[in-house]
Amino acid sequence: MSAEESNAERAVRLEHENKERVEQLRRLPLQKIDRSKWPQNVRPIAMSEADGLGIDVDGRLHWNGKPVEIIGRRLDLTTTQAAVAIAVAIFTAVAAAGTAVQAAIAYQDWACKAGRPSVLSCGTPPPASTKDK
């Protein structure tokens, strides 16, 4: 057996790779590039420059030997959006506090009626009504 692949093996491998590429493009089509939105000092990469791209063993992208920094997107809110977000946060906190108080009162009431341990004193039970016989 030869260490190199035969023509038939190569043809099968290439056909498999082509089918896989078609499936990838079906799932995630190529994006249409709108160069009108590019800054004035940016141009497309030339084919002769493509060998300037590289990747290291950890999968980090490099350009001309230097790591490419991916800058995260910031969340910038307008003043109105920030005010609404703060108001929603405050109202959510008030609702959570109200729910906690209501739950504590419901537990206290249940614990007193069921004879279970309660946080506060249950007080004296109301007198039992007596029926005349």
Protein backbone atom coordinates (compact mmCIF):
# COMPACT_ATOMS: atom_id res chain seq x y z
CA MET A 1 0.00 0.00 0.00
CA SER A 2 1.15 3.49 -0.80
CA ALA A 3 1.33 6.21 1.86
CA GLU A 4 -0.19 8.64 -0.63
CA GLU A 5 -3.88 8.48 -1.42
CA SER A 6 -4.93 7.08 -4.76
CA ASN A 7 -6.85 9.13 -7.31
CA ALA A 8 -10.05 7.28 -6.42
CA GLU A 9 -9.55 7.96 -2.69
CA ARG A 10 -8.81 11.61 -3.41
CA ALA A 11 -11.94 11.90 -5.54
CA VAL A 12 -14.08 10.38 -2.77
CA ARG A 13 -12.52 12.68 -0.16
CA LEU A 14 -13.04 15.78 -2.31
CA GLU A 15 -16.64 14.82 -3.03
CA HIS A 16 -17.28 14.38 0.68
CA GLU A 17 -15.65 17.76 1.46
CA ASN A 18 -17.72 19.45 -1.27
CA LYS A 19 -20.98 17.98 0.08
CA GLU A 20 -20.02 19.09 3.58
CA ARG A 21 -19.28 22.63 2.33
CA VAL A 22 -22.62 22.81 0.50
CA GLU A 23 -24.40 21.74 3.71
CA GLN A 24 -22.49 24.37 5.72
CA LEU A 25 -23.47 27.07 3.23
CA ARG A 26 -27.09 25.94 3.36
CA ARG A 27 -27.14 26.21 7.17
CA LEU A 28 -25.20 29.48 7.26
CA PRO A 29 -25.17 31.31 3.92
CA LEU A 30 -22.42 33.69 2.91
CA GLN A 31 -22.96 37.22 4.14
CA LYS A 32 -23.37 40.10 1.73
CA ILE A 33 -20.66 42.66 2.43
CA ASP A 34 -21.70 46.33 2.42
CA ARG A 35 -18.49 48.29 1.92
CA SER A 36 -20.37 51.59 2.11
CA LYS A 37 -20.38 51.17 5.90
CA TRP A 38 -16.62 50.66 6.12
CA PRO A 39 -14.44 53.47 7.49
CA GLN A 40 -12.47 55.42 4.86
CA ASN A 41 -9.15 53.94 6.03
CA VAL A 42 -10.24 50.29 5.57
CA ARG A 43 -9.88 48.31 2.36
CA PRO A 44 -10.47 44.67 1.45
CA ILE A 45 -7.62 42.24 1.97
CA ALA A 46 -5.73 41.25 -1.19
CA MET A 47 -5.10 37.59 -2.02
CA SER A 48 -1.36 38.23 -1.77
CA GLU A 49 -1.92 39.38 1.86
CA ALA A 50 -3.93 36.33 2.89
CA ASP A 51 -0.80 34.55 4.08
CA GLY A 52 -0.56 37.24 6.79
CA LEU A 53 -3.43 35.56 8.64
CA GLY A 54 -2.54 32.82 11.09
CA ILE A 55 -3.88 30.83 13.99
CA ASP A 56 -2.08 29.51 17.04
CA VAL A 57 -2.50 26.21 18.90
CA ASP A 58 -5.18 27.76 21.13
CA GLY A 59 -7.25 28.90 18.14
CA ARG A 60 -6.43 32.62 18.47
CA LEU A 61 -6.33 34.61 15.25
CA HIS A 62 -3.12 36.45 14.33
CA TRP A 63 -2.38 39.07 11.67
CA ASN A 64 1.22 39.45 10.55
CA GLY A 65 2.39 37.65 13.70
CA LYS A 66 0.39 39.82 16.13
CA PRO A 67 -2.73 38.58 17.95
CA VAL A 68 -6.00 40.07 16.70
CA GLU A 69 -7.92 41.75 19.50
CA ILE A 70 -11.66 41.25 19.42
CA ILE A 71 -13.29 44.28 20.96
CA GLY A 72 -16.56 43.52 22.74
CA ARG A 73 -19.68 45.51 22.06
CA ARG A 74 -20.72 47.91 24.78
CA LEU A 75 -24.27 48.42 25.87
CA ASP A 76 -24.94 52.13 25.52
CA LEU A 77 -28.32 53.33 26.71
CA THR A 78 -29.89 56.71 26.11
CA THR A 79 -30.83 58.75 29.16
CA THR A 80 -34.47 57.74 28.78
CA GLN A 81 -33.60 54.05 28.42
CA ALA A 82 -31.36 54.21 31.52
CA ALA A 83 -34.13 55.93 33.53
CA VAL A 84 -36.68 53.31 32.49
CA ALA A 85 -34.22 50.50 33.33
CA ILE A 86 -33.58 51.98 36.78
CA ALA A 87 -37.33 52.41 37.39
CA VAL A 88 -37.99 48.80 36.39
CA ALA A 89 -35.22 47.62 38.72
CA ILE A 90 -36.65 49.64 41.63
CA PHE A 91 -40.21 48.43 41.04
CA THR A 92 -38.96 44.84 40.77
CA ALA A 93 -37.14 45.18 44.09
CA VAL A 94 -40.27 46.66 45.75
CA ALA A 95 -42.40 43.82 44.35
CA ALA A 96 -39.89 41.23 45.62
CA ALA A 97 -39.91 42.80 49.09
CA GLY A 98 -43.72 42.87 49.12
CA THR A 99 -43.83 39.22 48.09
CA ALA A 100 -41.40 38.29 50.87
CA VAL A 101 -43.50 40.13 53.49
CA GLN A 102 -46.70 38.51 52.22
CA ALA A 103 -45.05 35.06 52.35
CA ALA A 104 -43.83 35.67 55.92
CA ILE A 105 -47.31 36.73 57.06
CA ALA A 106 -48.92 33.72 55.36
CA TYR A 107 -46.41 31.37 57.02
CA GLN A 108 -46.99 32.99 60.44
CA ASP A 109 -50.76 32.57 60.07
CA TRP A 110 -50.42 28.95 58.98
CA ALA A 111 -47.87 28.12 61.70
CA CYS A 112 -50.14 29.50 64.42
CA LYS A 113 -53.19 27.58 63.15
CA ALA A 114 -51.24 24.33 62.64
CA GLY A 115 -49.33 24.51 65.91
CA ARG A 116 -45.98 24.68 64.13
CA PRO A 117 -42.98 26.77 65.15
CA SER A 118 -43.43 30.40 64.19
CA VAL A 119 -41.18 33.40 64.15
CA LEU A 120 -43.48 35.60 66.21
CA SER A 121 -45.66 34.72 69.14
CA CYS A 122 -49.09 33.44 68.18
CA GLY A 123 -50.80 35.02 71.17
CA THR A 124 -53.68 33.43 73.00
CA PRO A 125 -56.18 31.54 70.93
CA PRO A 126 -59.70 32.90 70.90
CA PRO A 127 -62.02 31.21 73.40
CA ALA A 128 -63.77 28.13 72.08
CA SER A 129 -67.47 28.58 71.70
CA THR A 130 -69.55 26.39 73.91
CA LYS A 131 -72.81 25.00 72.76
CA ASP A 132 -75.66 24.82 75.19
CA LYS A 133 -76.98 21.35 75.62
